[in-house]
Amino acid sequence: MTFVNAVLNLNLLLRSTAVVLAHQTCQQYQYICVVVVVVVNGCARFYVVICVDKKCTVFA
């Protein structure tokens, strides 16, 4: 596995973890907006999570 693949896999893992956490948060709160910031290789990725009626929408 190359370093680039490792970084991409890490980013995917972080993203899926962020989504899972967001879904769990949405189960507890009806209306909430969460901004998840994932930094990989100095590049910040923003994931905006909006929960409405315990349904989770993720904007990447």
N, C-alpha and C. Protein backbone atom coordinates (compact mmCIF):
# COMPACT_ATOMS: atom_id res chain seq x y z
N MET A 1 0.85 -1.19 0.00
CA MET A 1 0.00 0.00 0.00
C MET A 1 0.89 1.25 0.00
N THR A 2 0.61 2.14 -0.88
CA THR A 2 1.40 3.37 -0.95
C THR A 2 0.94 4.35 0.11
N PHE A 3 1.74 5.36 0.32
CA PHE A 3 1.41 6.39 1.31
C PHE A 3 0.12 7.11 0.93
N VAL A 4 -0.05 7.35 -0.38
CA VAL A 4 -1.26 8.06 -0.84
C VAL A 4 -2.49 7.23 -0.53
N ASN A 5 -2.42 5.92 -0.79
CA ASN A 5 -3.55 5.04 -0.48
C ASN A 5 -3.85 5.04 1.01
N ALA A 6 -2.80 5.04 1.80
CA ALA A 6 -2.98 5.05 3.25
C ALA A 6 -3.71 6.32 3.69
N VAL A 7 -3.31 7.44 3.11
CA VAL A 7 -3.95 8.72 3.45
C VAL A 7 -5.41 8.72 3.01
N LEU A 8 -5.67 8.19 1.82
CA LEU A 8 -7.05 8.13 1.32
C LEU A 8 -7.90 7.23 2.21
N ASN A 9 -7.34 6.09 2.60
CA ASN A 9 -8.08 5.18 3.47
C ASN A 9 -8.36 5.82 4.82
N LEU A 10 -7.37 6.55 5.33
CA LEU A 10 -7.55 7.24 6.60
C LEU A 10 -8.65 8.28 6.49
N ASN A 11 -8.66 9.00 5.39
CA ASN A 11 -9.69 10.02 5.18
C ASN A 11 -11.08 9.39 5.13
N LEU A 12 -11.18 8.25 4.43
CA LEU A 12 -12.47 7.54 4.36
C LEU A 12 -12.90 7.08 5.74
N LEU A 13 -11.95 6.55 6.50
CA LEU A 13 -12.25 6.08 7.84
C LEU A 13 -12.72 7.22 8.73
N LEU A 14 -12.01 8.35 8.66
CA LEU A 14 -12.40 9.51 9.46
C LEU A 14 -13.77 10.02 9.05
N ARG A 15 -14.00 10.01 7.74
CA ARG A 15 -15.29 10.51 7.27
C ARG A 15 -16.43 9.61 7.74
N SER A 16 -16.25 8.29 7.61
CA SER A 16 -17.31 7.38 8.04
C SER A 16 -17.51 7.47 9.55
N THR A 17 -16.42 7.65 10.29
CA THR A 17 -16.54 7.82 11.75
C THR A 17 -17.32 9.08 12.07
N ALA A 18 -17.03 10.16 11.34
CA ALA A 18 -17.75 11.42 11.56
C ALA A 18 -19.23 11.25 11.27
N VAL A 19 -19.54 10.50 10.21
CA VAL A 19 -20.95 10.29 9.84
C VAL A 19 -21.65 9.46 10.91
N VAL A 20 -20.99 8.41 11.40
CA VAL A 20 -21.58 7.57 12.44
C VAL A 20 -21.84 8.39 13.70
N LEU A 21 -20.86 9.19 14.09
CA LEU A 21 -21.03 10.05 15.27
C LEU A 21 -22.18 11.02 15.08
N ALA A 22 -22.27 11.56 13.88
CA ALA A 22 -23.35 12.50 13.58
C ALA A 22 -24.70 11.82 13.68
N HIS A 23 -24.79 10.59 13.16
CA HIS A 23 -26.05 9.86 13.22
C HIS A 23 -26.45 9.59 14.67
N GLN A 24 -25.47 9.23 15.49
CA GLN A 24 -25.76 8.99 16.91
C GLN A 24 -26.22 10.27 17.59
N THR A 25 -25.58 11.37 17.22
CA THR A 25 -25.97 12.66 17.79
C THR A 25 -27.40 13.00 17.39
N CYS A 26 -27.74 12.70 16.14
CA CYS A 26 -29.08 13.02 15.65
C CYS A 26 -30.15 12.19 16.35
N GLN A 27 -29.77 11.00 16.81
CA GLN A 27 -30.75 10.18 17.51
C GLN A 27 -31.11 10.80 18.86
N GLN A 28 -30.19 11.59 19.41
CA GLN A 28 -30.42 12.18 20.73
C GLN A 28 -31.06 13.55 20.65
N TYR A 29 -30.72 14.29 19.61
CA TYR A 29 -31.23 15.66 19.50
C TYR A 29 -32.04 15.79 18.22
N GLN A 30 -33.16 16.49 18.31
CA GLN A 30 -34.00 16.60 17.13
C GLN A 30 -33.46 17.59 16.13
N TYR A 31 -33.05 18.74 16.60
CA TYR A 31 -32.58 19.78 15.68
C TYR A 31 -31.19 20.22 16.11
N ILE A 32 -30.24 19.95 15.30
CA ILE A 32 -28.87 20.33 15.65
C ILE A 32 -28.06 20.44 14.36
N CYS A 33 -27.10 21.32 14.37
CA CYS A 33 -26.20 21.44 13.23
C CYS A 33 -24.78 21.24 13.73
N VAL A 34 -24.09 20.29 13.15
CA VAL A 34 -22.73 19.97 13.57
C VAL A 34 -21.79 20.18 12.40
N VAL A 35 -20.70 20.84 12.65
CA VAL A 35 -19.67 20.99 11.62
C VAL A 35 -18.47 20.15 12.05
N VAL A 36 -18.18 19.15 11.24
CA VAL A 36 -17.05 18.27 11.54
C VAL A 36 -15.90 18.67 10.63
N VAL A 37 -14.75 18.91 11.22
CA VAL A 37 -13.57 19.28 10.43
C VAL A 37 -12.57 18.14 10.51
N VAL A 38 -12.20 17.62 9.36
CA VAL A 38 -11.20 16.56 9.29
C VAL A 38 -9.99 17.12 8.56
N VAL A 39 -8.84 17.07 9.20
CA VAL A 39 -7.62 17.59 8.57
C VAL A 39 -6.73 16.43 8.16
N VAL A 40 -6.47 16.33 6.87
CA VAL A 40 -5.58 15.30 6.34
C VAL A 40 -4.52 15.98 5.49
N ASN A 41 -3.27 15.73 5.84
CA ASN A 41 -2.16 16.31 5.07
C ASN A 41 -2.24 17.84 4.99
N GLY A 42 -2.73 18.45 6.04
CA GLY A 42 -2.81 19.90 6.05
C GLY A 42 -4.02 20.46 5.32
N CYS A 43 -4.82 19.57 4.72
CA CYS A 43 -6.03 20.02 4.02
C CYS A 43 -7.24 19.78 4.93
N ALA A 44 -7.97 20.83 5.19
CA ALA A 44 -9.14 20.70 6.04
C ALA A 44 -10.36 20.36 5.20
N ARG A 45 -11.06 19.33 5.61
CA ARG A 45 -12.32 18.97 4.96
C ARG A 45 -13.44 19.27 5.95
N PHE A 46 -14.45 19.92 5.47
CA PHE A 46 -15.58 20.26 6.33
C PHE A 46 -16.78 19.39 5.98
N TYR A 47 -17.38 18.83 6.99
CA TYR A 47 -18.60 18.07 6.80
C TYR A 47 -19.67 18.73 7.66
N VAL A 48 -20.68 19.24 7.01
CA VAL A 48 -21.76 19.90 7.75
C VAL A 48 -22.89 18.90 7.92
N VAL A 49 -23.27 18.69 9.14
CA VAL A 49 -24.32 17.72 9.44
C VAL A 49 -25.52 18.46 9.99
N ILE A 50 -26.65 18.27 9.35
CA ILE A 50 -27.88 18.92 9.81
C ILE A 50 -28.88 17.84 10.19
N CYS A 51 -29.36 17.91 11.43
CA CYS A 51 -30.36 16.95 11.88
C CYS A 51 -31.71 17.66 11.97
N VAL A 52 -32.67 17.13 11.26
CA VAL A 52 -34.03 17.64 11.35
C VAL A 52 -34.94 16.45 11.59
N ASP A 53 -35.68 16.50 12.69
CA ASP A 53 -36.58 15.41 13.03
C ASP A 53 -35.85 14.08 13.14
N LYS A 54 -34.67 14.12 13.72
CA LYS A 54 -33.84 12.93 13.94
C LYS A 54 -33.40 12.24 12.66
N LYS A 55 -33.51 12.96 11.54
CA LYS A 55 -32.96 12.44 10.29
C LYS A 55 -31.69 13.22 10.01
N CYS A 56 -30.68 12.51 9.57
CA CYS A 56 -29.35 13.11 9.44
C CYS A 56 -29.03 13.40 7.99
N THR A 57 -28.63 14.61 7.69
CA THR A 57 -28.18 14.97 6.35
C THR A 57 -26.75 15.46 6.44
N VAL A 58 -25.89 14.87 5.62
CA VAL A 58 -24.48 15.24 5.65
C VAL A 58 -24.10 15.92 4.35
N PHE A 59 -23.55 17.11 4.46
CA PHE A 59 -23.03 17.82 3.30
C PHE A 59 -21.51 17.79 3.39
N ALA A 60 -20.89 17.20 2.38
CA ALA A 60 -19.42 17.10 2.42
C ALA A 60 -18.83 18.10 1.45
